[in-house]
Amino acid sequence: MESPTHSLPTLFKQLGLADDPVSIDQFIATHSPLKPELHLADAFFWTQSQAAFLRDEILDDADWAEVIDQLNVLLRKGRGA
């Protein structure tokens, strides 16, 4: 099995968000927990282009999918959980 191509900071950078650890923690703290029935890409805080990127990468099972899943988990329970 190959190691993940992308990290959480690179995903944040790809999404046009601050990618330092403090900013990532703040983003997760601000936007979590997401409701279980809400798809990550449907969350209110994404721009249309961010939501499209997240949706497309998951649907295509692209190389970003693993780190997007990681973000999804973090936003469901919060980073410190």
N, C-alpha and C. Protein backbone atom coordinates (compact mmCIF):
# COMPACT_ATOMS: atom_id res chain seq x y z
N MET A 1 0.85 -1.18 0.00
CA MET A 1 0.00 0.00 0.00
C MET A 1 0.89 1.24 0.00
N GLU A 2 0.54 2.20 -0.84
CA GLU A 2 1.31 3.42 -0.93
C GLU A 2 0.99 4.35 0.23
N SER A 3 1.98 5.16 0.60
CA SER A 3 1.73 6.15 1.64
C SER A 3 0.91 7.29 1.06
N PRO A 4 0.17 8.00 1.90
CA PRO A 4 -0.67 9.09 1.39
C PRO A 4 0.17 10.14 0.67
N THR A 5 -0.37 10.64 -0.41
CA THR A 5 0.32 11.64 -1.21
C THR A 5 0.22 13.02 -0.58
N HIS A 6 -0.87 13.28 0.11
CA HIS A 6 -1.15 14.61 0.63
C HIS A 6 -1.36 14.58 2.14
N SER A 7 -1.04 15.71 2.75
CA SER A 7 -1.23 15.87 4.19
C SER A 7 -2.36 16.86 4.44
N LEU A 8 -2.76 16.95 5.68
CA LEU A 8 -3.79 17.92 6.06
C LEU A 8 -3.38 19.35 5.70
N PRO A 9 -2.14 19.76 6.01
CA PRO A 9 -1.75 21.12 5.59
C PRO A 9 -1.79 21.34 4.08
N THR A 10 -1.43 20.32 3.29
CA THR A 10 -1.49 20.52 1.84
C THR A 10 -2.94 20.60 1.36
N LEU A 11 -3.85 19.89 2.02
CA LEU A 11 -5.26 20.01 1.67
C LEU A 11 -5.76 21.42 1.96
N PHE A 12 -5.43 21.94 3.13
CA PHE A 12 -5.84 23.30 3.47
C PHE A 12 -5.28 24.31 2.46
N LYS A 13 -4.04 24.11 2.07
CA LYS A 13 -3.43 25.00 1.07
C LYS A 13 -4.17 24.88 -0.26
N GLN A 14 -4.49 23.66 -0.67
CA GLN A 14 -5.24 23.43 -1.91
C GLN A 14 -6.61 24.11 -1.87
N LEU A 15 -7.21 24.14 -0.70
CA LEU A 15 -8.52 24.77 -0.53
C LEU A 15 -8.42 26.29 -0.37
N GLY A 16 -7.20 26.81 -0.35
CA GLY A 16 -7.00 28.26 -0.22
C GLY A 16 -7.15 28.74 1.21
N LEU A 17 -6.95 27.84 2.17
CA LEU A 17 -7.06 28.17 3.59
C LEU A 17 -5.68 28.23 4.23
N ALA A 18 -5.59 28.92 5.34
CA ALA A 18 -4.33 28.94 6.09
C ALA A 18 -3.97 27.52 6.47
N ASP A 19 -2.70 27.16 6.26
CA ASP A 19 -2.30 25.76 6.42
C ASP A 19 -1.33 25.49 7.56
N ASP A 20 -1.19 26.46 8.47
CA ASP A 20 -0.33 26.23 9.63
C ASP A 20 -1.14 25.49 10.70
N PRO A 21 -0.46 24.77 11.60
CA PRO A 21 -1.17 23.96 12.61
C PRO A 21 -2.18 24.73 13.45
N VAL A 22 -1.86 25.94 13.87
CA VAL A 22 -2.78 26.73 14.69
C VAL A 22 -4.04 27.06 13.90
N SER A 23 -3.88 27.47 12.64
CA SER A 23 -5.04 27.80 11.80
C SER A 23 -5.90 26.58 11.52
N ILE A 24 -5.27 25.44 11.29
CA ILE A 24 -6.02 24.20 11.06
C ILE A 24 -6.82 23.84 12.31
N ASP A 25 -6.17 23.89 13.46
CA ASP A 25 -6.88 23.60 14.72
C ASP A 25 -8.05 24.56 14.94
N GLN A 26 -7.83 25.83 14.64
CA GLN A 26 -8.89 26.84 14.81
C GLN A 26 -10.05 26.57 13.86
N PHE A 27 -9.75 26.21 12.61
CA PHE A 27 -10.79 25.90 11.64
C PHE A 27 -11.64 24.73 12.13
N ILE A 28 -10.98 23.68 12.60
CA ILE A 28 -11.70 22.50 13.08
C ILE A 28 -12.52 22.84 14.32
N ALA A 29 -11.96 23.60 15.23
CA ALA A 29 -12.69 23.98 16.44
C ALA A 29 -13.90 24.84 16.10
N THR A 30 -13.75 25.73 15.13
CA THR A 30 -14.83 26.63 14.75
C THR A 30 -15.97 25.91 14.04
N HIS A 31 -15.64 24.91 13.22
CA HIS A 31 -16.63 24.29 12.35
C HIS A 31 -17.08 22.89 12.77
N SER A 32 -16.63 22.43 13.92
CA SER A 32 -17.06 21.10 14.35
C SER A 32 -17.91 21.22 15.61
N PRO A 33 -18.72 20.25 15.89
CA PRO A 33 -18.89 19.02 15.12
C PRO A 33 -19.94 19.18 14.02
N LEU A 34 -19.68 18.52 12.90
CA LEU A 34 -20.68 18.48 11.82
C LEU A 34 -21.75 17.45 12.17
N LYS A 35 -22.95 17.69 11.73
CA LYS A 35 -24.03 16.73 11.94
C LYS A 35 -23.73 15.45 11.15
N PRO A 36 -24.04 14.30 11.72
CA PRO A 36 -23.72 13.03 11.06
C PRO A 36 -24.32 12.88 9.67
N GLU A 37 -25.50 13.44 9.45
CA GLU A 37 -26.16 13.27 8.16
C GLU A 37 -25.68 14.26 7.10
N LEU A 38 -24.86 15.22 7.47
CA LEU A 38 -24.38 16.24 6.54
C LEU A 38 -23.13 15.75 5.82
N HIS A 39 -23.16 15.77 4.49
CA HIS A 39 -21.97 15.44 3.71
C HIS A 39 -20.96 16.57 3.87
N LEU A 40 -19.71 16.22 3.96
CA LEU A 40 -18.66 17.22 4.18
C LEU A 40 -18.75 18.35 3.16
N ALA A 41 -18.91 18.04 1.89
CA ALA A 41 -18.93 19.06 0.85
C ALA A 41 -20.16 19.95 0.92
N ASP A 42 -21.18 19.54 1.66
CA ASP A 42 -22.41 20.33 1.78
C ASP A 42 -22.40 21.28 2.98
N ALA A 43 -21.32 21.30 3.73
CA ALA A 43 -21.23 22.20 4.88
C ALA A 43 -21.28 23.65 4.41
N PHE A 44 -21.91 24.49 5.21
CA PHE A 44 -22.18 25.87 4.83
C PHE A 44 -20.92 26.72 4.64
N PHE A 45 -19.82 26.33 5.23
CA PHE A 45 -18.64 27.20 5.26
C PHE A 45 -17.74 27.08 4.03
N TRP A 46 -18.02 26.15 3.13
CA TRP A 46 -17.21 26.02 1.91
C TRP A 46 -17.69 26.98 0.83
N THR A 47 -16.76 27.46 0.03
CA THR A 47 -17.15 28.18 -1.18
C THR A 47 -17.63 27.13 -2.19
N GLN A 48 -18.23 27.58 -3.27
CA GLN A 48 -18.68 26.64 -4.30
C GLN A 48 -17.52 25.84 -4.87
N SER A 49 -16.39 26.49 -5.09
CA SER A 49 -15.25 25.79 -5.68
C SER A 49 -14.63 24.81 -4.69
N GLN A 50 -14.57 25.17 -3.41
CA GLN A 50 -14.07 24.25 -2.39
C GLN A 50 -14.97 23.02 -2.29
N ALA A 51 -16.27 23.25 -2.26
CA ALA A 51 -17.23 22.14 -2.16
C ALA A 51 -17.13 21.23 -3.38
N ALA A 52 -17.00 21.81 -4.55
CA ALA A 52 -16.88 21.01 -5.77
C ALA A 52 -15.60 20.17 -5.74
N PHE A 53 -14.51 20.77 -5.30
CA PHE A 53 -13.25 20.03 -5.19
C PHE A 53 -13.40 18.84 -4.24
N LEU A 54 -13.93 19.08 -3.06
CA LEU A 54 -14.10 18.01 -2.08
C LEU A 54 -15.00 16.90 -2.62
N ARG A 55 -16.11 17.28 -3.20
CA ARG A 55 -17.06 16.31 -3.74
C ARG A 55 -16.43 15.48 -4.87
N ASP A 56 -15.79 16.17 -5.80
CA ASP A 56 -15.20 15.49 -6.96
C ASP A 56 -14.08 14.54 -6.56
N GLU A 57 -13.24 14.97 -5.65
CA GLU A 57 -12.12 14.13 -5.23
C GLU A 57 -12.59 12.86 -4.52
N ILE A 58 -13.63 12.98 -3.71
CA ILE A 58 -14.18 11.80 -3.04
C ILE A 58 -14.88 10.88 -4.05
N LEU A 59 -15.69 11.45 -4.92
CA LEU A 59 -16.41 10.64 -5.91
C LEU A 59 -15.46 9.90 -6.85
N ASP A 60 -14.35 10.55 -7.19
CA ASP A 60 -13.36 9.94 -8.09
C ASP A 60 -12.38 9.04 -7.35
N ASP A 61 -12.49 8.99 -6.02
CA ASP A 61 -11.53 8.26 -5.20
C ASP A 61 -10.11 8.65 -5.59
N ALA A 62 -9.92 9.95 -5.76
CA ALA A 62 -8.65 10.51 -6.20
C ALA A 62 -7.62 10.48 -5.07
N ASP A 63 -6.41 10.91 -5.37
CA ASP A 63 -5.35 10.84 -4.37
C ASP A 63 -5.57 11.78 -3.19
N TRP A 64 -6.50 12.74 -3.31
CA TRP A 64 -6.85 13.61 -2.19
C TRP A 64 -7.87 12.96 -1.26
N ALA A 65 -8.51 11.88 -1.68
CA ALA A 65 -9.63 11.29 -0.93
C ALA A 65 -9.26 10.90 0.50
N GLU A 66 -8.09 10.35 0.70
CA GLU A 66 -7.71 9.89 2.04
C GLU A 66 -7.60 11.06 3.03
N VAL A 67 -6.98 12.14 2.62
CA VAL A 67 -6.82 13.28 3.52
C VAL A 67 -8.15 14.03 3.68
N ILE A 68 -9.01 14.00 2.66
CA ILE A 68 -10.35 14.58 2.80
C ILE A 68 -11.14 13.77 3.81
N ASP A 69 -11.00 12.46 3.78
CA ASP A 69 -11.65 11.61 4.79
C ASP A 69 -11.12 11.95 6.19
N GLN A 70 -9.84 12.21 6.30
CA GLN A 70 -9.25 12.58 7.59
C GLN A 70 -9.88 13.88 8.09
N LEU A 71 -10.01 14.87 7.21
CA LEU A 71 -10.64 16.14 7.59
C LEU A 71 -12.09 15.90 8.00
N ASN A 72 -12.78 15.06 7.27
CA ASN A 72 -14.17 14.74 7.58
C ASN A 72 -14.29 14.19 9.00
N VAL A 73 -13.43 13.26 9.36
CA VAL A 73 -13.44 12.68 10.71
C VAL A 73 -13.16 13.75 11.75
N LEU A 74 -12.17 14.57 11.50
CA LEU A 74 -11.83 15.63 12.45
C LEU A 74 -12.99 16.62 12.66
N LEU A 75 -13.69 16.93 11.58
CA LEU A 75 -14.81 17.85 11.69
C LEU A 75 -16.04 17.21 12.32
N ARG A 76 -16.09 15.92 12.38
CA ARG A 76 -17.21 15.21 13.05
C ARG A 76 -17.03 15.22 14.55
N LYS A 77 -15.78 15.11 15.01
CA LYS A 77 -15.56 14.96 16.45
C LYS A 77 -14.69 16.05 17.04
N GLY A 78 -14.05 16.86 16.24
CA GLY A 78 -13.13 17.87 16.74
C GLY A 78 -11.72 17.31 16.83
N ARG A 79 -10.75 18.15 16.70
CA ARG A 79 -9.35 17.70 16.62
C ARG A 79 -8.84 17.06 17.91
N GLY A 80 -9.25 17.57 19.03
CA GLY A 80 -8.75 17.06 20.30
C GLY A 80 -9.43 15.80 20.80
N ALA A 81 -10.48 15.39 20.12
CA ALA A 81 -11.26 14.23 20.59
C ALA A 81 -10.58 12.91 20.29
